[in-house]
Protein backbone atom coordinates (compact mmCIF):
# COMPACT_ATOMS: atom_id res chain seq x y z
CA UNK A 1 73.53 -164.29 83.60
CA UNK A 2 73.23 -167.65 86.17
CA UNK A 3 70.04 -165.82 86.24
CA UNK A 4 68.91 -165.79 83.16
CA UNK A 5 70.79 -169.36 83.51
CA UNK A 6 68.51 -170.56 85.01
CA UNK A 7 65.86 -169.87 82.48
CA UNK A 8 67.99 -172.46 80.23
CA UNK A 9 66.14 -177.01 80.61
CA UNK A 10 66.25 -180.39 79.16
CA UNK A 11 63.26 -180.09 79.52
CA UNK A 12 61.85 -177.76 77.48
CA UNK A 13 60.89 -178.93 73.43
CA UNK A 14 62.88 -175.70 72.07
CA UNK A 15 66.11 -176.87 71.38
CA UNK A 16 69.02 -175.40 74.07
CA UNK A 17 70.71 -174.18 70.99
CA UNK A 18 68.05 -172.08 70.67
CA UNK A 19 66.78 -171.13 74.68
CA UNK A 20 70.67 -169.80 74.62
CA UNK A 21 70.37 -167.60 72.00
CA UNK A 22 67.27 -166.54 73.42
CA UNK A 23 68.27 -166.27 76.63
CA UNK A 24 71.48 -164.28 75.79
CA UNK A 25 73.97 -166.83 77.12
CA UNK A 26 75.61 -169.08 75.50
CA UNK A 27 75.05 -172.77 75.21
CA UNK A 28 78.08 -174.01 76.83
CA UNK A 29 77.18 -172.57 80.14
CA UNK A 30 74.09 -175.50 81.18
CA UNK A 31 76.81 -177.73 81.42
CA UNK A 32 78.59 -175.66 83.92
CA UNK A 33 78.11 -177.48 87.26
CA UNK A 34 78.98 -175.29 90.60
CA UNK A 35 82.24 -176.01 92.32
CA UNK A 36 82.34 -176.47 96.32
CA UNK A 37 83.50 -173.54 98.04
CA UNK A 38 87.39 -175.56 99.10
CA UNK A 39 88.35 -172.88 102.28
CA UNK A 40 91.80 -173.94 103.09
CA UNK A 41 92.53 -175.04 106.69
CA UNK A 42 92.63 -172.51 108.79
CA UNK A 43 89.36 -170.55 107.55
CA UNK A 44 87.46 -174.33 107.63
CA UNK A 45 88.35 -175.01 112.03
CA UNK A 46 87.48 -171.30 111.71
CA UNK A 47 83.98 -171.80 110.09
CA UNK A 48 83.69 -175.17 112.23
CA UNK A 49 84.11 -173.05 115.50
CA UNK A 50 81.81 -169.99 114.88
CA UNK A 51 79.45 -172.66 113.45
CA UNK A 52 79.17 -174.32 116.81
CA UNK A 53 79.04 -171.30 118.74
CA UNK A 54 76.45 -170.36 117.24
CA UNK A 55 74.79 -172.80 117.73
CA UNK A 56 75.39 -172.91 121.03
CA UNK A 57 74.50 -169.26 121.14
CA UNK A 58 71.98 -167.80 118.36
CA UNK A 59 71.96 -164.33 119.98
CA UNK A 60 75.99 -163.90 119.15
CA UNK A 61 76.87 -161.17 116.76
CA UNK A 62 80.21 -160.56 114.99
CA UNK A 63 81.90 -158.72 118.07
CA UNK A 64 80.75 -161.26 119.78
CA UNK A 65 82.45 -163.98 118.32
CA UNK A 66 85.28 -162.58 117.97
CA UNK A 67 86.15 -162.15 120.92
CA UNK A 68 84.77 -165.34 120.91
CA UNK A 69 87.58 -166.92 118.58
CA UNK A 70 90.87 -164.60 120.48
CA UNK A 71 89.94 -166.54 123.89
CA UNK A 72 90.67 -169.62 121.35
CA UNK A 73 93.92 -168.18 120.18
CA UNK A 74 92.61 -166.06 116.86
CA UNK A 75 94.35 -162.72 115.72
CA UNK A 76 90.93 -161.90 114.17
CA UNK A 77 89.31 -158.91 113.10
CA UNK A 78 85.50 -158.12 113.67
CA UNK A 79 85.85 -157.85 109.51
CA UNK A 80 86.38 -161.15 108.90
CA UNK A 81 84.45 -162.70 111.61
CA UNK A 82 81.50 -160.41 109.82
CA UNK A 83 82.65 -162.53 105.94
CA UNK A 84 83.02 -165.91 107.57
CA UNK A 85 79.39 -165.57 109.41
CA UNK A 86 78.10 -164.06 105.80
CA UNK A 87 79.45 -167.46 104.41
CA UNK A 88 77.41 -169.84 106.65
CA UNK A 89 74.65 -167.60 106.09
CA UNK A 90 74.36 -167.05 110.50
CA UNK A 91 73.44 -163.54 112.44
CA UNK A 92 72.71 -162.81 115.39
CA UNK A 93 69.04 -162.59 116.73
CA UNK A 94 69.62 -159.75 118.06
CA UNK A 95 67.93 -156.58 115.13
CA UNK A 96 70.55 -155.11 113.25
CA UNK A 97 70.80 -153.27 110.46
CA UNK A 98 73.37 -154.32 109.03
CA UNK A 99 72.66 -157.82 109.19
CA UNK A 100 69.76 -160.89 107.11
CA UNK A 101 69.61 -157.95 104.60
CA UNK A 102 66.80 -158.71 102.67
CA UNK A 103 67.45 -158.47 98.41
CA UNK A 104 66.90 -154.63 97.16
CA UNK A 105 64.12 -155.38 95.14
CA UNK A 106 63.01 -158.34 96.04
CA UNK A 107 59.03 -157.67 98.47
CA UNK A 108 59.26 -158.69 101.68
CA UNK A 109 55.71 -159.69 103.58
CA UNK A 110 55.17 -159.08 107.07
CA UNK A 111 55.78 -161.49 110.40
CA UNK A 112 52.41 -162.80 110.15
CA UNK A 113 52.47 -165.30 113.82
CA UNK A 114 52.62 -163.46 116.18
CA UNK A 115 50.37 -163.96 118.93
CA UNK A 116 49.17 -166.74 116.41
CA UNK A 117 48.12 -170.59 118.75
CA UNK A 118 49.35 -173.53 116.37
CA UNK A 119 45.83 -175.65 116.36
CA UNK A 120 46.67 -178.00 113.77
CA UNK A 121 48.80 -179.45 111.73
CA UNK A 122 49.10 -177.42 107.85
CA UNK A 123 48.70 -174.25 109.12
CA UNK A 124 51.71 -173.40 109.74
CA UNK A 125 54.83 -174.23 108.03
CA UNK A 126 58.15 -172.56 107.78
CA UNK A 127 61.52 -173.70 105.49
CA UNK A 128 64.78 -172.31 106.61
CA UNK A 129 68.48 -172.89 105.52
CA UNK A 130 71.29 -174.10 107.30
CA UNK A 131 75.26 -175.02 106.55
CA UNK A 132 76.15 -178.69 107.01
CA UNK A 133 80.30 -178.81 107.06
CA UNK A 134 82.60 -181.73 105.19
CA UNK A 135 86.39 -181.33 105.10
CA UNK A 136 86.79 -179.30 101.99
CA UNK A 137 83.77 -176.88 102.17
CA UNK A 138 80.45 -176.58 102.80
CA UNK A 139 77.29 -177.46 101.77
CA UNK A 140 73.57 -175.71 101.97
CA UNK A 141 70.58 -177.55 103.04
CA UNK A 142 66.97 -176.07 103.63
CA UNK A 143 64.07 -177.55 105.46
CA UNK A 144 60.57 -176.95 105.45
CA UNK A 145 58.27 -177.93 108.93
CA UNK A 146 55.39 -178.37 109.94
CA UNK A 147 55.31 -176.13 113.44
CA UNK A 148 52.29 -177.68 114.71
CA UNK A 149 53.28 -181.36 114.71
CA UNK A 150 57.14 -180.38 114.68
CA UNK A 151 57.33 -183.07 110.97
CA UNK A 152 60.15 -182.83 108.57
CA UNK A 153 58.36 -182.46 105.47
CA UNK A 154 60.71 -181.75 102.78
CA UNK A 155 64.74 -180.86 102.59
CA UNK A 156 66.80 -180.41 99.99
CA UNK A 157 71.15 -180.25 99.70
CA UNK A 158 73.18 -178.37 97.86
CA UNK A 159 76.54 -176.97 96.96
CA UNK A 160 75.42 -173.32 96.14
CA UNK A 161 72.64 -170.32 97.87
CA UNK A 162 70.73 -170.52 94.71
CA UNK A 163 66.71 -170.99 94.88
CA UNK A 164 66.06 -173.20 92.67
CA UNK A 165 66.53 -175.92 95.34
CA UNK A 166 64.17 -174.30 97.66
CA UNK A 167 61.65 -174.36 94.93
CA UNK A 168 61.85 -177.68 94.88
CA UNK A 169 62.02 -178.49 98.00
CA UNK A 170 58.87 -176.40 98.59
CA UNK A 171 57.38 -178.60 94.92
CA UNK A 172 57.84 -181.17 97.11
CA UNK A 173 56.28 -180.49 100.12
CA UNK A 174 53.38 -179.18 98.15
CA UNK A 175 53.26 -182.81 96.61
CA UNK A 176 53.61 -185.19 99.74
CA UNK A 177 51.28 -183.11 101.86
CA UNK A 178 48.88 -180.57 100.63
CA UNK A 179 48.99 -177.16 101.17
CA UNK A 180 49.59 -174.94 104.91
CA UNK A 181 47.35 -171.14 105.48
CA UNK A 182 50.69 -169.76 106.93
CA UNK A 183 53.74 -170.36 105.23
CA UNK A 184 57.19 -168.13 107.14
CA UNK A 185 60.37 -167.78 105.87
CA UNK A 186 63.26 -165.70 106.59
CA UNK A 187 63.50 -162.05 104.99
CA UNK A 188 66.77 -164.45 102.85
CA UNK A 189 67.55 -163.92 98.96
CA UNK A 190 66.82 -167.29 98.17
CA UNK A 191 62.72 -167.17 99.83
CA UNK A 192 61.64 -163.29 98.39
CA UNK A 193 63.24 -164.83 94.93
CA UNK A 194 60.44 -164.44 92.47
CA UNK A 195 61.20 -168.01 91.64
CA UNK A 196 59.84 -169.22 95.27
CA UNK A 197 56.96 -166.44 95.61
CA UNK A 198 55.62 -167.78 92.39
CA UNK A 199 55.68 -171.08 93.61
CA UNK A 200 53.70 -170.18 96.64
CA UNK A 201 51.53 -167.77 94.59
CA UNK A 202 49.91 -170.42 92.30
CA UNK A 203 47.52 -171.36 95.43
CA UNK A 204 46.08 -168.28 96.71
CA UNK A 205 44.60 -169.36 99.94
CA UNK A 206 48.39 -169.59 101.53
CA UNK A 207 48.88 -166.55 103.10
CA UNK A 208 53.42 -165.79 103.03
CA UNK A 209 54.62 -164.22 106.64
CA UNK A 210 58.34 -163.57 106.32
CA UNK A 211 60.85 -163.12 110.60
CA UNK A 212 61.75 -159.59 110.60
CA UNK A 213 65.25 -158.12 110.10
CA UNK A 214 68.37 -160.86 111.86
CA UNK A 215 65.05 -162.34 114.44
CA UNK A 216 65.90 -165.75 114.56
CA UNK A 217 63.06 -166.49 117.04
CA UNK A 218 60.76 -166.22 114.75
CA UNK A 219 61.40 -169.07 113.01
CA UNK A 220 62.77 -171.46 116.29
CA UNK A 221 61.60 -174.68 114.96
CA UNK A 222 63.44 -174.23 112.04
CA UNK A 223 65.64 -172.82 114.64
CA UNK A 224 65.13 -176.29 117.18
CA UNK A 225 65.64 -178.48 114.34
CA UNK A 226 69.15 -177.17 112.87
CA UNK A 227 70.45 -177.15 116.95
CA UNK A 228 68.92 -180.93 116.83
CA UNK A 229 70.62 -181.53 113.76
CA UNK A 230 74.52 -180.35 114.58
CA UNK A 231 74.97 -181.40 118.06
CA UNK A 232 73.26 -184.96 117.30
CA UNK A 233 74.06 -186.17 113.65
CA UNK A 234 76.10 -183.31 112.26
CA UNK A 235 78.76 -182.35 115.36
CA UNK A 236 79.28 -186.37 116.10
CA UNK A 237 79.68 -187.71 113.09
CA UNK A 238 81.64 -185.80 110.57
CA UNK A 239 80.49 -187.10 107.21
CA UNK A 240 83.97 -186.80 104.73
CA UNK A 241 81.58 -186.42 101.35
CA UNK A 242 78.95 -184.89 99.64
CA UNK A 243 76.93 -188.38 99.43
CA UNK A 244 78.27 -189.81 102.49
CA UNK A 245 75.96 -186.29 104.16
CA UNK A 246 73.49 -186.82 102.40
CA UNK A 247 72.82 -190.71 103.18
CA UNK A 248 73.40 -189.59 106.96
CA UNK A 249 70.74 -186.58 106.11
CA UNK A 250 68.16 -189.07 105.04
CA UNK A 251 68.45 -191.63 108.41
CA UNK A 252 68.51 -188.94 110.87
CA UNK A 253 65.26 -187.20 108.94
CA UNK A 254 63.97 -189.85 109.20
CA UNK A 255 64.47 -191.03 112.70
CA UNK A 256 63.43 -186.95 113.55
CA UNK A 257 60.21 -188.07 112.67
CA UNK A 258 59.49 -191.37 113.44
CA UNK A 259 61.53 -192.16 116.69
CA UNK A 260 62.82 -188.41 118.39
CA UNK A 261 61.01 -188.31 121.27
CA UNK A 262 60.14 -184.76 122.03
CA UNK A 263 59.73 -183.81 125.32
CA UNK A 264 57.59 -180.59 125.04
CA UNK A 265 55.31 -182.88 123.41
CA UNK A 266 54.52 -185.61 125.61
CA UNK A 267 57.61 -187.58 124.65
CA UNK A 268 55.56 -188.57 120.53
CA UNK A 269 57.75 -188.22 117.40
CA UNK A 270 56.07 -185.84 114.73
CA UNK A 271 54.88 -187.89 113.05
CA UNK A 272 52.68 -189.81 115.50
CA UNK A 273 51.04 -186.20 116.12
CA UNK A 274 50.83 -184.62 112.31
CA UNK A 275 49.60 -188.00 111.66
CA UNK A 276 46.88 -188.80 114.18
CA UNK A 277 45.73 -185.34 114.07
CA UNK A 278 45.14 -185.62 110.08
CA UNK A 279 43.14 -188.19 110.45
CA UNK A 280 45.82 -190.72 109.07
CA UNK A 281 46.52 -188.04 105.76
CA UNK A 282 42.94 -188.15 104.44
CA UNK A 283 42.35 -184.74 105.80
CA UNK A 284 45.83 -183.92 103.88
CA UNK A 285 44.40 -185.94 100.60
CA UNK A 286 41.20 -184.05 100.51
CA UNK A 287 42.26 -180.26 100.65
CA UNK A 288 44.64 -180.78 98.71
CA UNK A 289 42.64 -181.81 96.17
CA UNK A 290 39.84 -179.19 97.12
CA UNK A 291 42.46 -175.99 97.05
CA UNK A 292 44.35 -177.81 93.11
CA UNK A 293 40.68 -177.66 91.54
CA UNK A 294 40.07 -174.72 93.05
CA UNK A 295 43.36 -173.17 91.45
CA UNK A 296 42.74 -174.46 88.38
CA UNK A 297 38.70 -173.14 88.19
CA UNK A 298 41.20 -169.97 88.96
């Protein structure tokens, strides 16, 4: 039903009533807005503890996380820990056949980056989703990062895990920066969805890569971004609403791209590396135009 509702849009020339009829849904469902999930106070605190500990130790699975929470005074069983970690989209980096399961009907692509040396901007991009706490619930954040420069190319915030906000983020990145040679994600259902894969395949020169199951370190640069974001901003400021969170993320990503000095990159900013390597951006525009012409001709 959720997939059918996604077919309906006010931008189509066909009236909403007719669209709903063709999709087999009630027109009123088009106007329904997803509610922000609101856990109780204890569950929200558990989610906070899990999120903070996983950010410190991303190799923790549900067993270790259960022992950690018990040391904090919570008599919690492993099944509940698994449910809470699932809500946050978390899984330990060690391979585990019961975690990070892809959608059973979605195609999964091979991981293409093992041993690959990243030598220029737009060589490899990657995307990932993380969870952002709020006093009355949580929201999901997706970001696309250029591996060479660590620049955050685009991001989106959502209160659901629907794939549409990931597609929107992807399209913004393509529109601003052209296209990469390789696009890497994990095997989450949002990234293996038909909508997301189709948006990438509009540009046949992009090669699609996906992490191995449960291997967060295959997408290490986005994982480092999440760690920096949470320790340098989210945990310190504790945003009180979705509006405050959105404004805070805008400020942080601007800081991250234009001011934050990265020790591993010779104390340069992502923007400095990206722009200098791309000749002030002209290379990006020329390449994007070239790819667009090829796509149109095809």
